[in-house]
Structures are given as C-alpha cells and as structure tokens.
Amino acid sequence: MKTFEYTIKDEQGIHARPAGMLVKEVKKYQSKITVKKGERTVEAQKLMALMSLGVKCADRITVSVDGADEEEAAAQIEEFLKTNL
C-alpha cells in the first residue's frame, strides 16, 4: 500500500469540477484509492463522497492506494493533485 499526504492549494478546495476530474483519473487504475480528511475516509471513485468531505483550501488530505498498480497510480494521482488542486 502506498500513502501520501497533500495540502490543497486550489482556493475553492475540492469542488464539483476538480472532484469530477479526480474521479475520472482514479478510474484509470485497478487499485483501490481512498481519500481521508480528518477522521473520514471515502473511496476516490465516488464523486458525491469526495465532495462530502468538504475539503477547502489549505486542508491536508491523505491518499491511500492499494492494489496491483499502486506504484504508478500513486505517482499519477499525486501529480494530478499538484497540477489541478
């Protein structure tokens, strides 16, 4: 399992558009990918669950990737976050 933390830099946090883009990116991989903020953890493939976390600018999230392609998936998801959020 690969895990990394990321601090959101987008002024609006994880709102509908970037959440949708993140879901699309996550679905490219076989691994199970979760996003955690505080005590809540949700599957990154579920748009409404992601948005329900209420992630704002400067919030720190933890992303966990577990599965056959976890190395590639973790690297690509982290790059996606840096580019888009």
N, C-alpha and C. Protein backbone atom coordinates (compact mmCIF):
# COMPACT_ATOMS: atom_id res chain seq x y z
N MET A 1 0.84 -1.18 0.00
CA MET A 1 0.00 0.00 0.00
C MET A 1 0.88 1.24 0.00
N LYS A 2 0.52 2.20 -0.84
CA LYS A 2 1.22 3.48 -0.92
C LYS A 2 0.31 4.55 -0.33
N THR A 3 0.89 5.43 0.47
CA THR A 3 0.13 6.52 1.08
C THR A 3 0.93 7.80 0.97
N PHE A 4 0.24 8.89 0.68
CA PHE A 4 0.90 10.19 0.69
C PHE A 4 -0.08 11.26 1.15
N GLU A 5 0.46 12.35 1.65
CA GLU A 5 -0.36 13.47 2.09
C GLU A 5 -0.21 14.61 1.10
N TYR A 6 -1.27 15.40 0.99
CA TYR A 6 -1.24 16.54 0.08
C TYR A 6 -2.05 17.68 0.68
N THR A 7 -1.52 18.89 0.59
CA THR A 7 -2.24 20.08 1.06
C THR A 7 -2.88 20.76 -0.15
N ILE A 8 -4.19 20.95 -0.08
CA ILE A 8 -4.94 21.54 -1.19
C ILE A 8 -4.57 23.01 -1.36
N LYS A 9 -4.24 23.40 -2.60
CA LYS A 9 -3.83 24.76 -2.89
C LYS A 9 -4.90 25.54 -3.66
N ASP A 10 -5.85 24.84 -4.28
CA ASP A 10 -6.94 25.50 -5.01
C ASP A 10 -7.77 26.32 -4.04
N GLU A 11 -8.05 27.58 -4.38
CA GLU A 11 -8.79 28.48 -3.49
C GLU A 11 -10.18 27.96 -3.13
N GLN A 12 -10.78 27.18 -4.02
CA GLN A 12 -12.13 26.67 -3.79
C GLN A 12 -12.14 25.26 -3.22
N GLY A 13 -10.98 24.69 -2.99
CA GLY A 13 -10.90 23.33 -2.45
C GLY A 13 -11.34 22.29 -3.48
N ILE A 14 -11.82 21.15 -3.01
CA ILE A 14 -12.30 20.10 -3.92
C ILE A 14 -13.79 20.35 -4.14
N HIS A 15 -14.10 21.05 -5.23
CA HIS A 15 -15.48 21.31 -5.61
C HIS A 15 -15.83 20.46 -6.82
N ALA A 16 -16.99 20.64 -7.40
CA ALA A 16 -17.52 19.74 -8.43
C ALA A 16 -16.58 19.46 -9.60
N ARG A 17 -16.03 20.49 -10.21
CA ARG A 17 -15.20 20.27 -11.40
C ARG A 17 -13.94 19.46 -11.11
N PRO A 18 -13.10 19.89 -10.15
CA PRO A 18 -11.90 19.08 -9.89
C PRO A 18 -12.22 17.72 -9.29
N ALA A 19 -13.31 17.63 -8.54
CA ALA A 19 -13.70 16.32 -7.98
C ALA A 19 -14.04 15.37 -9.12
N GLY A 20 -14.76 15.85 -10.12
CA GLY A 20 -15.10 15.03 -11.29
C GLY A 20 -13.86 14.61 -12.05
N MET A 21 -12.92 15.53 -12.19
CA MET A 21 -11.67 15.21 -12.88
C MET A 21 -10.87 14.17 -12.10
N LEU A 22 -10.87 14.29 -10.77
CA LEU A 22 -10.15 13.33 -9.93
C LEU A 22 -10.78 11.94 -10.03
N VAL A 23 -12.09 11.88 -10.01
CA VAL A 23 -12.79 10.59 -10.15
C VAL A 23 -12.41 9.94 -11.49
N LYS A 24 -12.39 10.73 -12.55
CA LYS A 24 -12.04 10.21 -13.88
C LYS A 24 -10.61 9.67 -13.89
N GLU A 25 -9.70 10.39 -13.24
CA GLU A 25 -8.29 9.96 -13.16
C GLU A 25 -8.17 8.66 -12.36
N VAL A 26 -8.85 8.59 -11.23
CA VAL A 26 -8.79 7.42 -10.35
C VAL A 26 -9.31 6.16 -11.04
N LYS A 27 -10.32 6.31 -11.87
CA LYS A 27 -10.93 5.16 -12.54
C LYS A 27 -10.02 4.51 -13.58
N LYS A 28 -8.89 5.13 -13.88
CA LYS A 28 -7.93 4.56 -14.83
C LYS A 28 -7.16 3.39 -14.22
N TYR A 29 -7.22 3.26 -12.88
CA TYR A 29 -6.37 2.28 -12.19
C TYR A 29 -7.20 1.18 -11.54
N GLN A 30 -6.57 0.01 -11.41
CA GLN A 30 -7.21 -1.14 -10.78
C GLN A 30 -7.19 -1.03 -9.26
N SER A 31 -6.22 -0.33 -8.73
CA SER A 31 -6.04 -0.22 -7.29
C SER A 31 -7.22 0.48 -6.62
N LYS A 32 -7.44 0.14 -5.34
CA LYS A 32 -8.44 0.84 -4.54
C LYS A 32 -7.78 2.12 -4.02
N ILE A 33 -8.43 3.24 -4.27
CA ILE A 33 -7.87 4.54 -3.89
C ILE A 33 -8.85 5.24 -2.96
N THR A 34 -8.34 5.65 -1.80
CA THR A 34 -9.18 6.35 -0.83
C THR A 34 -8.57 7.71 -0.49
N VAL A 35 -9.46 8.62 -0.08
CA VAL A 35 -9.04 9.96 0.34
C VAL A 35 -9.55 10.15 1.77
N LYS A 36 -8.66 10.62 2.64
CA LYS A 36 -9.02 10.81 4.04
C LYS A 36 -8.80 12.27 4.43
N LYS A 37 -9.80 12.83 5.10
CA LYS A 37 -9.66 14.16 5.69
C LYS A 37 -10.17 14.05 7.12
N GLY A 38 -9.31 14.33 8.07
CA GLY A 38 -9.69 14.18 9.47
C GLY A 38 -9.96 12.72 9.77
N GLU A 39 -11.13 12.44 10.31
CA GLU A 39 -11.50 11.06 10.65
C GLU A 39 -12.26 10.35 9.55
N ARG A 40 -12.65 11.08 8.50
CA ARG A 40 -13.47 10.49 7.44
C ARG A 40 -12.62 10.01 6.27
N THR A 41 -12.92 8.82 5.79
CA THR A 41 -12.25 8.24 4.63
C THR A 41 -13.31 7.84 3.62
N VAL A 42 -13.09 8.22 2.34
CA VAL A 42 -14.05 7.87 1.28
C VAL A 42 -13.30 7.27 0.10
N GLU A 43 -14.03 6.51 -0.71
CA GLU A 43 -13.46 5.98 -1.94
C GLU A 43 -13.38 7.11 -2.96
N ALA A 44 -12.22 7.24 -3.59
CA ALA A 44 -11.99 8.33 -4.53
C ALA A 44 -12.78 8.17 -5.82
N GLN A 45 -13.34 6.99 -6.07
CA GLN A 45 -14.13 6.76 -7.28
C GLN A 45 -15.54 7.32 -7.17
N LYS A 46 -15.93 7.78 -5.98
CA LYS A 46 -17.31 8.22 -5.74
C LYS A 46 -17.36 9.74 -5.60
N LEU A 47 -17.89 10.39 -6.62
CA LEU A 47 -17.92 11.85 -6.70
C LEU A 47 -18.60 12.49 -5.48
N MET A 48 -19.79 12.06 -5.16
CA MET A 48 -20.53 12.67 -4.06
C MET A 48 -19.83 12.44 -2.72
N ALA A 49 -19.21 11.29 -2.55
CA ALA A 49 -18.46 11.01 -1.32
C ALA A 49 -17.28 11.96 -1.20
N LEU A 50 -16.56 12.17 -2.30
CA LEU A 50 -15.42 13.08 -2.30
C LEU A 50 -15.86 14.49 -1.91
N MET A 51 -16.94 14.95 -2.53
CA MET A 51 -17.42 16.30 -2.27
C MET A 51 -17.94 16.43 -0.83
N SER A 52 -18.45 15.34 -0.27
CA SER A 52 -18.99 15.38 1.09
C SER A 52 -17.92 15.60 2.15
N LEU A 53 -16.65 15.40 1.79
CA LEU A 53 -15.56 15.64 2.73
C LEU A 53 -15.42 17.12 3.06
N GLY A 54 -15.91 17.99 2.16
CA GLY A 54 -15.83 19.42 2.39
C GLY A 54 -14.40 19.93 2.44
N VAL A 55 -13.55 19.46 1.54
CA VAL A 55 -12.14 19.84 1.54
C VAL A 55 -12.00 21.27 1.01
N LYS A 56 -11.37 22.11 1.83
CA LYS A 56 -11.16 23.53 1.50
C LYS A 56 -9.68 23.79 1.23
N CYS A 57 -9.39 24.99 0.75
CA CYS A 57 -8.01 25.40 0.53
C CYS A 57 -7.24 25.30 1.84
N ALA A 58 -6.03 24.79 1.76
CA ALA A 58 -5.10 24.60 2.89
C ALA A 58 -5.42 23.38 3.74
N ASP A 59 -6.49 22.64 3.42
CA ASP A 59 -6.76 21.38 4.12
C ASP A 59 -5.77 20.33 3.67
N ARG A 60 -5.40 19.45 4.59
CA ARG A 60 -4.47 18.36 4.29
C ARG A 60 -5.27 17.07 4.15
N ILE A 61 -5.06 16.37 3.04
CA ILE A 61 -5.72 15.09 2.82
C ILE A 61 -4.66 13.99 2.76
N THR A 62 -5.10 12.78 3.03
CA THR A 62 -4.23 11.61 2.90
C THR A 62 -4.83 10.71 1.85
N VAL A 63 -4.02 10.34 0.87
CA VAL A 63 -4.45 9.47 -0.22
C VAL A 63 -3.78 8.12 -0.04
N SER A 64 -4.57 7.05 -0.06
CA SER A 64 -4.04 5.69 0.04
C SER A 64 -4.37 4.93 -1.22
N VAL A 65 -3.39 4.18 -1.72
CA VAL A 65 -3.54 3.41 -2.95
C VAL A 65 -3.10 1.98 -2.66
N ASP A 66 -3.99 1.03 -2.92
CA ASP A 66 -3.68 -0.36 -2.61
C ASP A 66 -4.13 -1.25 -3.76
N GLY A 67 -3.18 -1.94 -4.38
CA GLY A 67 -3.54 -2.84 -5.47
C GLY A 67 -2.37 -3.12 -6.40
N ALA A 68 -2.69 -3.78 -7.49
CA ALA A 68 -1.68 -4.25 -8.44
C ALA A 68 -0.85 -3.12 -9.05
N ASP A 69 -1.48 -1.99 -9.33
CA ASP A 69 -0.77 -0.89 -10.00
C ASP A 69 -0.57 0.30 -9.05
N GLU A 70 -0.41 0.03 -7.76
CA GLU A 70 -0.35 1.09 -6.76
C GLU A 70 0.80 2.06 -6.95
N GLU A 71 1.96 1.58 -7.40
CA GLU A 71 3.12 2.46 -7.61
C GLU A 71 2.79 3.54 -8.64
N GLU A 72 2.35 3.10 -9.81
CA GLU A 72 2.01 4.03 -10.89
C GLU A 72 0.84 4.91 -10.50
N ALA A 73 -0.20 4.31 -9.93
CA ALA A 73 -1.40 5.06 -9.55
C ALA A 73 -1.07 6.15 -8.55
N ALA A 74 -0.31 5.84 -7.52
CA ALA A 74 0.03 6.83 -6.50
C ALA A 74 0.81 7.99 -7.12
N ALA A 75 1.77 7.68 -7.96
CA ALA A 75 2.56 8.73 -8.60
C ALA A 75 1.69 9.62 -9.49
N GLN A 76 0.81 9.01 -10.26
CA GLN A 76 -0.04 9.78 -11.17
C GLN A 76 -1.09 10.59 -10.43
N ILE A 77 -1.66 10.05 -9.38
CA ILE A 77 -2.66 10.78 -8.60
C ILE A 77 -2.00 11.96 -7.90
N GLU A 78 -0.81 11.75 -7.36
CA GLU A 78 -0.10 12.85 -6.71
C GLU A 78 0.21 13.96 -7.71
N GLU A 79 0.65 13.59 -8.90
CA GLU A 79 0.93 14.57 -9.95
C GLU A 79 -0.35 15.30 -10.35
N PHE A 80 -1.46 14.56 -10.46
CA PHE A 80 -2.75 15.17 -10.79
C PHE A 80 -3.12 16.23 -9.74
N LEU A 81 -2.97 15.88 -8.46
CA LEU A 81 -3.29 16.83 -7.39
C LEU A 81 -2.43 18.09 -7.47
N LYS A 82 -1.13 17.91 -7.71
CA LYS A 82 -0.23 19.06 -7.81
C LYS A 82 -0.61 19.96 -8.97
N THR A 83 -1.06 19.37 -10.07
CA THR A 83 -1.41 20.15 -11.26
C THR A 83 -2.77 20.82 -11.13
N ASN A 84 -3.73 20.15 -10.51
CA ASN A 84 -5.12 20.61 -10.53
C ASN A 84 -5.68 21.14 -9.20
N LEU A 85 -5.08 20.77 -8.11
CA LEU A 85 -5.62 21.17 -6.81
C LEU A 85 -4.53 21.74 -5.91
